[in-house]
Amino acid sequence: MRLSIKVLLASLIVTITLPCSGQTPASTSNSSATPTIVFDPPGTAQRYASQHEREPYQRAKFVRDITYGARPRNLLDIATPLKPSTSLRPVLIFVPGGPGNRIEVKGYPFYDNVLLWVVDQGYIAINMNRDSGADITWDTGAKNIASVIQWAQNNAKDYGGDASRIVVWGHSLGATALAAYISHPELYPPKGVSILGAILFAGSYNIAPLQATQPGRNPPTNQPPPDAATLLAQSSLPGLQKANLPLLLAAADGDPLDRPEYISLLNDALCKAGRCPTTLIVKGHDHFSEIFSINTSDHSVSKPVLDWLNSLLKNK
């Protein structure tokens, strides 16, 4: 399989050209027989920006830059309804991808759009930063998630949230970190995993000894790849097979091809362990539109996610 990658650092665009294997992703204007998968946060943001609210928001209020840990990037935002609820709401924590920034594109309301939609569905919503940089390790993001969950346990009630009903939604590298968290109990806060379920959306995962064979997109790193024994020790697969936790495994048909493949590999492995997840492949989306479309007239992602959330929280 031929693979050409062009990185334009100034605009954060990565174009991956692949032989045609189906429907052309919505993110491409290429009309030839070869579809193009585009990593273009600013361009995708412009496509959706006109449908998104700008502050001051009409249905939710935000508290920004709340500290959840000791490091400078250990910050979160929390969104609550303008009118307080008469009862405690479930809590959804969103874990962004990439370098883990709460705002994906400067000047655009991402990922406020996710939190606004989550509040509309009856939740208290949290958007967290993850640590990034040269000193992070394979489990840094998982430890960040553990810290935010513990923060929610201690503080959610002050914002109208029910700490006994927490769901976590990770996207891309945020989903990678979330899989590492779920699968390694030694990283849990003192009260245990402490979540009702998790959405792993368009992540790439260490599921050694299994490995995706389709092309993906790996960020540049100065660290040498782990050896086989280390990969196995850090693998999310054994822990996911043991975790008695509802999972939604999702990706888009315009994601790098390893993302849908990871869903297939994980689904098969988890079902063999008696832990079948819910799976979702969204048609006509790319790696950013799958999240930037939330809280717009395009319900192709939000509707199945909401159906899964409603099923998860039924009778909870």
C-alpha atoms as a PDB file:
ATOM      1  CA  MET A   1       0.000   0.000   0.000  1.00  0.00           C
ATOM      2  CA  ARG A   2       1.356   3.399  -1.010  1.00  0.00           C
ATOM      3  CA  LEU A   3       1.319   6.066   1.680  1.00  0.00           C
ATOM      4  CA  SER A   4       2.311   9.713   1.218  1.00  0.00           C
ATOM      5  CA  ILE A   5       2.275  12.107   4.159  1.00  0.00           C
ATOM      6  CA  LYS A   6       2.676  15.849   3.904  1.00  0.00           C
ATOM      7  CA  VAL A   7       2.957  17.856   7.097  1.00  0.00           C
ATOM      8  CA  LEU A   8       2.375  21.601   7.000  1.00  0.00           C
ATOM      9  CA  LEU A   9       3.271  22.746  10.496  1.00  0.00           C
ATOM     10  CA  ALA A  10       2.096  26.292   9.949  1.00  0.00           C
ATOM     11  CA  SER A  11      -1.491  25.213   9.335  1.00  0.00           C
ATOM     12  CA  LEU A  12      -1.485  21.897  11.196  1.00  0.00           C
ATOM     13  CA  ILE A  13      -2.601  20.024   8.084  1.00  0.00           C
ATOM     14  CA  VAL A  14      -1.653  16.432   7.403  1.00  0.00           C
ATOM     15  CA  THR A  15      -2.836  14.835   4.173  1.00  0.00           C
ATOM     16  CA  ILE A  16      -2.738  11.051   3.816  1.00  0.00           C
ATOM     17  CA  THR A  17      -3.424   9.711   0.319  1.00  0.00           C
ATOM     18  CA  LEU A  18      -4.680   6.133   0.144  1.00  0.00           C
ATOM     19  CA  PRO A  19      -5.891   3.802  -2.579  1.00  0.00           C
ATOM     20  CA  CYS A  20      -9.663   3.976  -2.923  1.00  0.00           C
ATOM     21  CA  SER A  21     -11.525   1.435  -0.797  1.00  0.00           C
ATOM     22  CA  GLY A  22     -14.991   2.943  -0.470  1.00  0.00           C
ATOM     23  CA  GLN A  23     -16.831   6.179   0.091  1.00  0.00           C
ATOM     24  CA  THR A  24     -14.805   9.390  -0.135  1.00  0.00           C
ATOM     25  CA  PRO A  25     -14.673  11.063   3.286  1.00  0.00           C
ATOM     26  CA  ALA A  26     -16.639  14.264   3.672  1.00  0.00           C
ATOM     27  CA  SER A  27     -13.449  16.161   4.474  1.00  0.00           C
ATOM     28  CA  THR A  28     -12.018  15.891   0.967  1.00  0.00           C
ATOM     29  CA  SER A  29     -12.755  17.818  -2.189  1.00  0.00           C
ATOM     30  CA  ASN A  30     -10.707  15.357  -4.236  1.00  0.00           C
ATOM     31  CA  SER A  31     -12.951  14.030  -6.992  1.00  0.00           C
ATOM     32  CA  SER A  32     -10.457  11.470  -8.309  1.00  0.00           C
ATOM     33  CA  ALA A  33     -10.589   7.743  -7.587  1.00  0.00           C
ATOM     34  CA  THR A  34      -8.165   8.159  -4.679  1.00  0.00           C
ATOM     35  CA  PRO A  35      -9.804   9.529  -1.506  1.00  0.00           C
ATOM     36  CA  THR A  36      -7.869  11.915   0.713  1.00  0.00           C
ATOM     37  CA  ILE A  37      -8.016  11.921   4.497  1.00  0.00           C
ATOM     38  CA  VAL A  38      -7.338  15.440   5.756  1.00  0.00           C
ATOM     39  CA  PHE A  39      -6.090  16.491   9.177  1.00  0.00           C
ATOM     40  CA  ASP A  40      -7.044  20.158   9.007  1.00  0.00           C
ATOM     41  CA  PRO A  41      -8.423  21.555  12.295  1.00  0.00           C
ATOM     42  CA  PRO A  42      -8.646  25.200  11.094  1.00  0.00           C
ATOM     43  CA  GLY A  43     -10.344  24.232   7.824  1.00  0.00           C
ATOM     44  CA  THR A  44     -12.791  21.907   9.517  1.00  0.00           C
ATOM     45  CA  ALA A  45     -13.478  24.570  12.148  1.00  0.00           C
ATOM     46  CA  GLN A  46     -14.465  27.047   9.438  1.00  0.00           C
ATOM     47  CA  ARG A  47     -16.950  24.555   7.995  1.00  0.00           C
ATOM     48  CA  TYR A  48     -18.811  24.304  11.306  1.00  0.00           C
ATOM     49  CA  ALA A  49     -18.180  27.647  13.004  1.00  0.00           C
ATOM     50  CA  SER A  50     -21.325  29.366  11.721  1.00  0.00           C
ATOM     51  CA  GLN A  51     -23.485  26.768  13.472  1.00  0.00           C
ATOM     52  CA  HIS A  52     -21.841  27.137  16.858  1.00  0.00           C
ATOM     53  CA  GLU A  53     -22.792  29.470  19.649  1.00  0.00           C
ATOM     54  CA  ARG A  54     -20.427  32.103  20.960  1.00  0.00           C
ATOM     55  CA  GLU A  55     -20.205  33.331  24.521  1.00  0.00           C
ATOM     56  CA  PRO A  56     -22.201  34.421  26.394  1.00  0.00           C
ATOM     57  CA  TYR A  57     -24.027  31.119  25.995  1.00  0.00           C
ATOM     58  CA  GLN A  58     -27.793  31.035  26.337  1.00  0.00           C
ATOM     59  CA  ARG A  59     -28.279  27.663  28.057  1.00  0.00           C
ATOM     60  CA  ALA A  60     -25.080  26.958  29.975  1.00  0.00           C
ATOM     61  CA  LYS A  61     -22.458  28.698  32.065  1.00  0.00           C
ATOM     62  CA  PHE A  62     -18.773  27.846  32.215  1.00  0.00           C
ATOM     63  CA  VAL A  63     -16.236  28.006  35.012  1.00  0.00           C
ATOM     64  CA  ARG A  64     -12.776  28.082  33.456  1.00  0.00           C
ATOM     65  CA  ASP A  65      -9.238  27.105  34.419  1.00  0.00           C
ATOM     66  CA  ILE A  66     -10.002  25.058  37.512  1.00  0.00           C
ATOM     67  CA  THR A  67      -6.876  23.356  38.828  1.00  0.00           C
ATOM     68  CA  TYR A  68      -7.013  19.568  39.166  1.00  0.00           C
ATOM     69  CA  GLY A  69      -3.311  18.864  39.746  1.00  0.00           C
ATOM     70  CA  ALA A  70       0.099  20.353  40.456  1.00  0.00           C
ATOM     71  CA  ARG A  71       1.363  20.871  36.885  1.00  0.00           C
ATOM     72  CA  PRO A  72       0.667  24.038  34.851  1.00  0.00           C
ATOM     73  CA  ARG A  73      -1.501  22.209  32.310  1.00  0.00           C
ATOM     74  CA  ASN A  74      -3.624  20.484  34.959  1.00  0.00           C
ATOM     75  CA  LEU A  75      -6.666  22.649  34.235  1.00  0.00           C
ATOM     76  CA  LEU A  76     -10.291  21.894  33.458  1.00  0.00           C
ATOM     77  CA  ASP A  77     -13.455  23.744  32.463  1.00  0.00           C
ATOM     78  CA  ILE A  78     -16.862  22.803  33.799  1.00  0.00           C
ATOM     79  CA  ALA A  79     -20.215  23.628  32.191  1.00  0.00           C
ATOM     80  CA  THR A  80     -23.527  23.639  34.019  1.00  0.00           C
ATOM     81  CA  PRO A  81     -27.077  24.686  33.080  1.00  0.00           C
ATOM     82  CA  LEU A  82     -27.990  28.328  33.585  1.00  0.00           C
ATOM     83  CA  LYS A  83     -30.955  27.249  35.649  1.00  0.00           C
ATOM     84  CA  PRO A  84     -29.884  24.894  38.457  1.00  0.00           C
ATOM     85  CA  SER A  85     -31.437  21.437  38.368  1.00  0.00           C
ATOM     86  CA  THR A  86     -33.646  20.202  41.166  1.00  0.00           C
ATOM     87  CA  SER A  87     -31.629  16.961  41.291  1.00  0.00           C
ATOM     88  CA  LEU A  88     -28.004  16.029  40.748  1.00  0.00           C
ATOM     89  CA  ARG A  89     -27.015  15.406  37.127  1.00  0.00           C
ATOM     90  CA  PRO A  90     -24.651  12.740  35.793  1.00  0.00           C
ATOM     91  CA  VAL A  91     -21.180  13.988  34.873  1.00  0.00           C
ATOM     92  CA  LEU A  92     -19.436  13.586  31.510  1.00  0.00           C
ATOM     93  CA  ILE A  93     -15.694  14.232  31.240  1.00  0.00           C
ATOM     94  CA  PHE A  94     -14.345  14.989  27.755  1.00  0.00           C
ATOM     95  CA  VAL A  95     -10.673  14.153  27.068  1.00  0.00           C
ATOM     96  CA  PRO A  96      -9.373  15.981  23.964  1.00  0.00           C
ATOM     97  CA  GLY A  97      -6.945  14.498  21.469  1.00  0.00           C
ATOM     98  CA  GLY A  98      -3.712  15.864  20.034  1.00  0.00           C
ATOM     99  CA  PRO A  99      -1.604  17.664  22.629  1.00  0.00           C
ATOM    100  CA  GLY A 100      -4.609  17.632  24.956  1.00  0.00           C
ATOM    101  CA  ASN A 101      -5.727  21.257  24.698  1.00  0.00           C
ATOM    102  CA  ARG A 102      -9.211  22.178  25.813  1.00  0.00           C
ATOM    103  CA  ILE A 103      -9.450  24.533  22.789  1.00  0.00           C
ATOM    104  CA  GLU A 104      -8.523  22.749  19.552  1.00  0.00           C
ATOM    105  CA  VAL A 105      -8.456  25.797  17.257  1.00  0.00           C
ATOM    106  CA  LYS A 106      -7.751  29.324  18.498  1.00  0.00           C
ATOM    107  CA  GLY A 107     -10.719  31.603  17.904  1.00  0.00           C
ATOM    108  CA  TYR A 108     -13.285  28.786  17.674  1.00  0.00           C
ATOM    109  CA  PRO A 109     -15.491  27.338  20.425  1.00  0.00           C
ATOM    110  CA  PHE A 110     -14.126  23.795  20.252  1.00  0.00           C
ATOM    111  CA  TYR A 111     -14.556  21.935  22.534  1.00  0.00           C
ATOM    112  CA  ASP A 112     -17.187  24.123  24.165  1.00  0.00           C
ATOM    113  CA  ASN A 113     -19.517  22.688  21.510  1.00  0.00           C
ATOM    114  CA  VAL A 114     -19.240  19.239  23.089  1.00  0.00           C
ATOM    115  CA  LEU A 115     -19.886  20.570  26.585  1.00  0.00           C
ATOM    116  CA  LEU A 116     -22.876  22.659  25.469  1.00  0.00           C
ATOM    117  CA  TRP A 117     -24.427  19.598  23.841  1.00  0.00           C
ATOM    118  CA  VAL A 118     -23.700  17.452  26.896  1.00  0.00           C
ATOM    119  CA  VAL A 119     -25.377  19.989  29.200  1.00  0.00           C
ATOM    120  CA  ASP A 120     -28.415  20.010  26.900  1.00  0.00           C
ATOM    121  CA  GLN A 121     -28.662  16.238  27.370  1.00  0.00           C
ATOM    122  CA  GLY A 122     -28.974  16.620  31.136  1.00  0.00           C
ATOM    123  CA  TYR A 123     -25.366  16.335  32.291  1.00  0.00           C
ATOM    124  CA  ILE A 124     -22.736  18.401  34.009  1.00  0.00           C
ATOM    125  CA  ALA A 125     -19.835  18.585  31.524  1.00  0.00           C
ATOM    126  CA  ILE A 126     -16.076  18.763  32.132  1.00  0.00           C
ATOM    127  CA  ASN A 127     -13.384  19.464  29.528  1.00  0.00           C
ATOM    128  CA  MET A 128      -9.825  18.739  30.648  1.00  0.00           C
ATOM    129  CA  ASN A 129      -6.297  19.495  29.518  1.00  0.00           C
ATOM    130  CA  ARG A 130      -3.808  16.641  29.308  1.00  0.00           C
ATOM    131  CA  ASP A 131      -0.106  17.100  29.989  1.00  0.00           C
ATOM    132  CA  SER A 132       2.088  17.095  26.899  1.00  0.00           C
ATOM    133  CA  GLY A 133       5.730  17.638  26.090  1.00  0.00           C
ATOM    134  CA  ALA A 134       9.039  15.830  26.129  1.00  0.00           C
ATOM    135  CA  ASP A 135       8.709  14.511  29.676  1.00  0.00           C
ATOM    136  CA  ILE A 136       5.411  12.647  29.320  1.00  0.00           C
ATOM    137  CA  THR A 137       5.257   8.854  29.511  1.00  0.00           C
ATOM    138  CA  TRP A 138       2.820   6.272  28.147  1.00  0.00           C
ATOM    139  CA  ASP A 139       0.609   6.618  31.223  1.00  0.00           C
ATOM    140  CA  THR A 140       0.719  10.411  31.739  1.00  0.00           C
ATOM    141  CA  GLY A 141      -2.660  10.990  30.092  1.00  0.00           C
ATOM    142  CA  ALA A 142      -4.191   8.132  32.066  1.00  0.00           C
ATOM    143  CA  LYS A 143      -2.916   9.677  35.285  1.00  0.00           C
ATOM    144  CA  ASN A 144      -4.415  13.021  34.226  1.00  0.00           C
ATOM    145  CA  ILE A 145      -7.780  11.320  33.709  1.00  0.00           C
ATOM    146  CA  ALA A 146      -7.531   9.673  37.135  1.00  0.00           C
ATOM    147  CA  SER A 147      -6.878  13.064  38.713  1.00  0.00           C
ATOM    148  CA  VAL A 148      -9.884  14.653  36.992  1.00  0.00           C
ATOM    149  CA  ILE A 149     -12.129  11.768  38.038  1.00  0.00           C
ATOM    150  CA  GLN A 150     -10.942  12.205  41.616  1.00  0.00           C
ATOM    151  CA  TRP A 151     -11.557  15.950  41.334  1.00  0.00           C
ATOM    152  CA  ALA A 152     -15.102  15.219  40.149  1.00  0.00           C
ATOM    153  CA  GLN A 153     -15.653  12.819  43.033  1.00  0.00           C
ATOM    154  CA  ASN A 154     -14.697  15.555  45.479  1.00  0.00           C
ATOM    155  CA  ASN A 155     -16.285  18.572  43.777  1.00  0.00           C
ATOM    156  CA  ALA A 156     -19.018  17.625  41.294  1.00  0.00           C
ATOM    157  CA  LYS A 157     -21.788  18.053  43.853  1.00  0.00           C
ATOM    158  CA  ASP A 158     -20.858  21.728  44.249  1.00  0.00           C
ATOM    159  CA  TYR A 159     -21.786  22.191  40.575  1.00  0.00           C
ATOM    160  CA  GLY A 160     -24.913  20.038  40.618  1.00  0.00           C
ATOM    161  CA  GLY A 161     -23.165  16.843  39.518  1.00  0.00           C
ATOM    162  CA  ASP A 162     -23.604  13.289  40.773  1.00  0.00           C
ATOM    163  CA  ALA A 163     -20.138  11.803  41.361  1.00  0.00           C
ATOM    164  CA  SER A 164     -21.588   8.288  41.392  1.00  0.00           C
ATOM    165  CA  ARG A 165     -22.577   8.648  37.717  1.00  0.00           C
ATOM    166  CA  ILE A 166     -19.470   9.637  35.739  1.00  0.00           C
ATOM    167  CA  VAL A 167     -18.897   8.846  32.046  1.00  0.00           C
ATOM    168  CA  VAL A 168     -15.656   9.648  30.201  1.00  0.00           C
ATOM    169  CA  TRP A 169     -15.400  10.415  26.462  1.00  0.00           C
ATOM    170  CA  GLY A 170     -11.935  10.367  24.915  1.00  0.00           C
ATOM    171  CA  HIS A 171     -11.114  11.456  21.372  1.00  0.00           C
ATOM    172  CA  SER A 172      -8.007  10.421  19.410  1.00  0.00           C
ATOM    173  CA  LEU A 173      -5.008  10.538  21.788  1.00  0.00           C
ATOM    174  CA  GLY A 174      -7.520  11.311  24.526  1.00  0.00           C
ATOM    175  CA  ALA A 175      -9.119   7.935  23.766  1.00  0.00           C
ATOM    176  CA  THR A 176      -5.673   6.334  23.843  1.00  0.00           C
ATOM    177  CA  ALA A 177      -5.125   7.753  27.332  1.00  0.00           C
ATOM    178  CA  LEU A 178      -8.607   6.662  28.407  1.00  0.00           C
ATOM    179  CA  ALA A 179      -7.974   3.074  27.279  1.00  0.00           C
ATOM    180  CA  ALA A 180      -4.732   3.075  29.270  1.00  0.00           C
ATOM    181  CA  TYR A 181      -6.613   4.358  32.327  1.00  0.00           C
ATOM    182  CA  ILE A 182      -9.382   1.761  32.164  1.00  0.00           C
ATOM    183  CA  SER A 183      -6.973  -1.105  31.605  1.00  0.00           C
ATOM    184  CA  HIS A 184      -4.484  -0.378  34.399  1.00  0.00           C
ATOM    185  CA  PRO A 185      -6.121  -0.488  37.854  1.00  0.00           C
ATOM    186  CA  GLU A 186      -2.886   0.685  39.480  1.00  0.00           C
ATOM    187  CA  LEU A 187      -3.668   4.110  37.968  1.00  0.00           C
ATOM    188  CA  TYR A 188      -7.177   4.367  39.466  1.00  0.00           C
ATOM    189  CA  PRO A 189      -7.972   6.877  42.203  1.00  0.00           C
ATOM    190  CA  PRO A 190      -8.560   5.443  45.712  1.00  0.00           C
ATOM    191  CA  LYS A 191     -12.247   4.661  45.046  1.00  0.00           C
ATOM    192  CA  GLY A 192     -11.484   2.523  41.989  1.00  0.00           C
ATOM    193  CA  VAL A 193     -12.291   3.057  38.314  1.00  0.00           C
ATOM    194  CA  SER A 194     -15.254   5.221  39.402  1.00  0.00           C
ATOM    195  CA  ILE A 195     -16.968   5.537  36.021  1.00  0.00           C
ATOM    196  CA  LEU A 196     -20.113   3.955  34.586  1.00  0.00           C
ATOM    197  CA  GLY A 197     -18.785   3.653  31.047  1.00  0.00           C
ATOM    198  CA  ALA A 198     -16.436   5.105  28.443  1.00  0.00           C
ATOM    199  CA  ILE A 199     -16.481   6.322  24.844  1.00  0.00           C
ATOM    200  CA  LEU A 200     -13.279   5.537  22.940  1.00  0.00           C
ATOM    201  CA  PHE A 201     -13.561   7.626  19.776  1.00  0.00           C
ATOM    202  CA  ALA A 202     -11.002   7.400  16.964  1.00  0.00           C
ATOM    203  CA  GLY A 203      -8.104   6.399  19.173  1.00  0.00           C
ATOM    204  CA  SER A 204      -4.987   4.429  18.357  1.00  0.00           C
ATOM    205  CA  TYR A 205      -4.194   1.892  21.055  1.00  0.00           C
ATOM    206  CA  ASN A 206      -1.465  -0.313  22.383  1.00  0.00           C
ATOM    207  CA  ILE A 207      -3.244  -3.658  22.275  1.00  0.00           C
ATOM    208  CA  ALA A 208      -0.153  -5.855  22.162  1.00  0.00           C
ATOM    209  CA  PRO A 209       0.270  -8.609  21.170  1.00  0.00           C
ATOM    210  CA  LEU A 210      -2.281  -7.467  18.560  1.00  0.00           C
ATOM    211  CA  GLN A 211      -1.341  -4.639  16.216  1.00  0.00           C
ATOM    212  CA  ALA A 212      -3.175  -2.664  13.545  1.00  0.00           C
ATOM    213  CA  THR A 213      -1.806  -3.180  10.044  1.00  0.00           C
ATOM    214  CA  GLN A 214      -3.503  -0.230   8.309  1.00  0.00           C
ATOM    215  CA  PRO A 215      -1.792   3.187   8.063  1.00  0.00           C
ATOM    216  CA  GLY A 216      -2.370   5.625  10.884  1.00  0.00           C
ATOM    217  CA  ARG A 217      -0.899   8.909  11.995  1.00  0.00           C
ATOM    218  CA  ASN A 218       1.690   8.869  14.740  1.00  0.00           C
ATOM    219  CA  PRO A 219       2.991  12.170  16.145  1.00  0.00           C
ATOM    220  CA  PRO A 220       6.760  12.679  15.910  1.00  0.00           C
ATOM    221  CA  THR A 221       8.644  11.561  18.988  1.00  0.00           C
ATOM    222  CA  ASN A 222      12.234  11.628  20.141  1.00  0.00           C
ATOM    223  CA  GLN A 223      11.733   8.490  22.196  1.00  0.00           C
ATOM    224  CA  PRO A 224      12.742   5.084  20.799  1.00  0.00           C
ATOM    225  CA  PRO A 225       9.880   2.602  20.379  1.00  0.00           C
ATOM    226  CA  PRO A 226       9.405   0.268  23.367  1.00  0.00           C
ATOM    227  CA  ASP A 227      10.636  -3.290  23.102  1.00  0.00           C
ATOM    228  CA  ALA A 228       8.155  -6.160  22.882  1.00  0.00           C
ATOM    229  CA  ALA A 229       8.176  -6.899  26.614  1.00  0.00           C
ATOM    230  CA  THR A 230       7.523  -3.256  27.475  1.00  0.00           C
ATOM    231  CA  LEU A 231       4.712  -3.043  24.929  1.00  0.00           C
ATOM    232  CA  LEU A 232       3.057  -6.054  26.521  1.00  0.00           C
ATOM    233  CA  ALA A 233       3.414  -4.576  30.017  1.00  0.00           C
ATOM    234  CA  GLN A 234       1.857  -1.307  28.858  1.00  0.00           C
ATOM    235  CA  SER A 235      -0.808  -2.908  26.646  1.00  0.00           C
ATOM    236  CA  SER A 236      -4.420  -1.917  27.197  1.00  0.00           C
ATOM    237  CA  LEU A 237      -5.780  -5.206  25.863  1.00  0.00           C
ATOM    238  CA  PRO A 238      -5.557  -7.474  28.944  1.00  0.00           C
ATOM    239  CA  GLY A 239      -7.058  -4.850  31.220  1.00  0.00           C
ATOM    240  CA  LEU A 240      -9.873  -4.032  28.800  1.00  0.00           C
ATOM    241  CA  GLN A 241     -10.690  -7.732  28.583  1.00  0.00           C
ATOM    242  CA  LYS A 242     -10.995  -7.876  32.376  1.00  0.00           C
ATOM    243  CA  ALA A 243     -12.794  -4.577  32.943  1.00  0.00           C
ATOM    244  CA  ASN A 244     -16.516  -5.012  33.519  1.00  0.00           C
ATOM    245  CA  LEU A 245     -17.267  -1.647  31.975  1.00  0.00           C
ATOM    246  CA  PRO A 246     -19.604  -0.694  29.096  1.00  0.00           C
ATOM    247  CA  LEU A 247     -17.628   0.707  26.153  1.00  0.00           C
ATOM    248  CA  LEU A 248     -18.575   2.533  22.967  1.00  0.00           C
ATOM    249  CA  LEU A 249     -15.821   2.037  20.367  1.00  0.00           C
ATOM    250  CA  ALA A 250     -16.243   4.576  17.565  1.00  0.00           C
ATOM    251  CA  ALA A 251     -14.493   6.022  14.524  1.00  0.00           C
ATOM    252  CA  ALA A 252     -15.365   7.638  11.205  1.00  0.00           C
ATOM    253  CA  ASP A 253     -14.931   6.269   7.719  1.00  0.00           C
ATOM    254  CA  GLY A 254     -12.668   9.270   7.033  1.00  0.00           C
ATOM    255  CA  ASP A 255     -10.340   8.525   9.942  1.00  0.00           C
ATOM    256  CA  PRO A 256      -6.888   7.060   9.304  1.00  0.00           C
ATOM    257  CA  LEU A 257      -7.486   3.431   8.468  1.00  0.00           C
ATOM    258  CA  ASP A 258      -5.956   2.101  11.664  1.00  0.00           C
ATOM    259  CA  ARG A 259      -8.796   3.669  13.693  1.00  0.00           C
ATOM    260  CA  PRO A 260     -11.607   1.487  12.276  1.00  0.00           C
ATOM    261  CA  GLU A 261      -9.231  -1.470  12.339  1.00  0.00           C
ATOM    262  CA  TYR A 262      -8.629  -0.977  16.068  1.00  0.00           C
ATOM    263  CA  ILE A 263     -12.387  -1.166  16.585  1.00  0.00           C
ATOM    264  CA  SER A 264     -12.530  -4.493  14.741  1.00  0.00           C
ATOM    265  CA  LEU A 265      -9.540  -5.926  16.622  1.00  0.00           C
ATOM    266  CA  LEU A 266     -10.816  -4.783  20.019  1.00  0.00           C
ATOM    267  CA  ASN A 267     -14.370  -5.907  19.338  1.00  0.00           C
ATOM    268  CA  ASP A 268     -13.226  -9.417  18.454  1.00  0.00           C
ATOM    269  CA  ALA A 269     -10.853  -9.663  21.432  1.00  0.00           C
ATOM    270  CA  LEU A 270     -13.351  -8.280  23.935  1.00  0.00           C
ATOM    271  CA  CYS A 271     -16.187 -10.464  22.683  1.00  0.00           C
ATOM    272  CA  LYS A 272     -13.977 -13.540  23.072  1.00  0.00           C
ATOM    273  CA  ALA A 273     -13.508 -12.467  26.705  1.00  0.00           C
ATOM    274  CA  GLY A 274     -17.270 -12.052  27.178  1.00  0.00           C
ATOM    275  CA  ARG A 275     -16.999  -8.232  27.207  1.00  0.00           C
ATOM    276  CA  CYS A 276     -18.548  -7.261  23.870  1.00  0.00           C
ATOM    277  CA  PRO A 277     -18.557  -3.465  23.418  1.00  0.00           C
ATOM    278  CA  THR A 278     -20.891  -1.309  21.349  1.00  0.00           C
ATOM    279  CA  THR A 279     -19.238  -0.307  18.067  1.00  0.00           C
ATOM    280  CA  LEU A 280     -19.900   2.604  15.730  1.00  0.00           C
ATOM    281  CA  ILE A 281     -18.441   3.603  12.349  1.00  0.00           C
ATOM    282  CA  VAL A 282     -19.807   7.027  11.354  1.00  0.00           C
ATOM    283  CA  LYS A 283     -20.156   7.635   7.616  1.00  0.00           C
ATOM    284  CA  GLY A 284     -19.049  10.828   5.885  1.00  0.00           C
ATOM    285  CA  HIS A 285     -16.833  12.257   8.627  1.00  0.00           C
ATOM    286  CA  ASP A 286     -13.141  12.834   9.179  1.00  0.00           C
ATOM    287  CA  HIS A 287     -10.980  12.966  12.288  1.00  0.00           C
ATOM    288  CA  PHE A 288     -12.126  16.451  13.301  1.00  0.00           C
ATOM    289  CA  SER A 289     -15.617  16.764  11.853  1.00  0.00           C
ATOM    290  CA  GLU A 290     -16.632  13.771  13.967  1.00  0.00           C
ATOM    291  CA  ILE A 291     -16.225  16.030  17.023  1.00  0.00           C
ATOM    292  CA  PHE A 292     -16.685  19.516  15.549  1.00  0.00           C
ATOM    293  CA  SER A 293     -20.131  18.461  14.269  1.00  0.00           C
ATOM    294  CA  ILE A 294     -21.430  18.030  17.807  1.00  0.00           C
ATOM    295  CA  ASN A 295     -24.096  20.600  18.711  1.00  0.00           C
ATOM    296  CA  THR A 296     -24.935  21.412  15.091  1.00  0.00           C
ATOM    297  CA  SER A 297     -27.729  20.352  12.746  1.00  0.00           C
ATOM    298  CA  ASP A 298     -25.576  17.337  11.823  1.00  0.00           C
ATOM    299  CA  HIS A 299     -26.670  14.612  14.260  1.00  0.00           C
ATOM    300  CA  SER A 300     -24.847  11.728  12.565  1.00  0.00           C
ATOM    301  CA  VAL A 301     -22.402  11.496  15.475  1.00  0.00           C
ATOM    302  CA  SER A 302     -24.349  12.966  18.365  1.00  0.00           C
ATOM    303  CA  LYS A 303     -27.469  10.840  17.850  1.00  0.00           C
ATOM    304  CA  PRO A 304     -25.817   7.395  18.187  1.00  0.00           C
ATOM    305  CA  VAL A 305     -23.648   8.692  21.032  1.00  0.00           C
ATOM    306  CA  LEU A 306     -26.759   9.950  22.824  1.00  0.00           C
ATOM    307  CA  ASP A 307     -28.547   6.643  22.253  1.00  0.00           C
ATOM    308  CA  TRP A 308     -25.622   4.831  23.884  1.00  0.00           C
ATOM    309  CA  LEU A 309     -25.508   7.283  26.798  1.00  0.00           C
ATOM    310  CA  ASN A 310     -29.246   6.896  27.378  1.00  0.00           C
ATOM    311  CA  SER A 311     -28.885   3.126  27.345  1.00  0.00           C
ATOM    312  CA  LEU A 312     -25.947   3.312  29.747  1.00  0.00           C
ATOM    313  CA  LEU A 313     -27.716   5.533  32.260  1.00  0.00           C
ATOM    314  CA  LYS A 314     -31.089   3.828  32.110  1.00  0.00           C
ATOM    315  CA  ASN A 315     -32.072   2.937  35.674  1.00  0.00           C
ATOM    316  CA  LYS A 316     -28.829   4.452  37.042  1.00  0.00           C
END
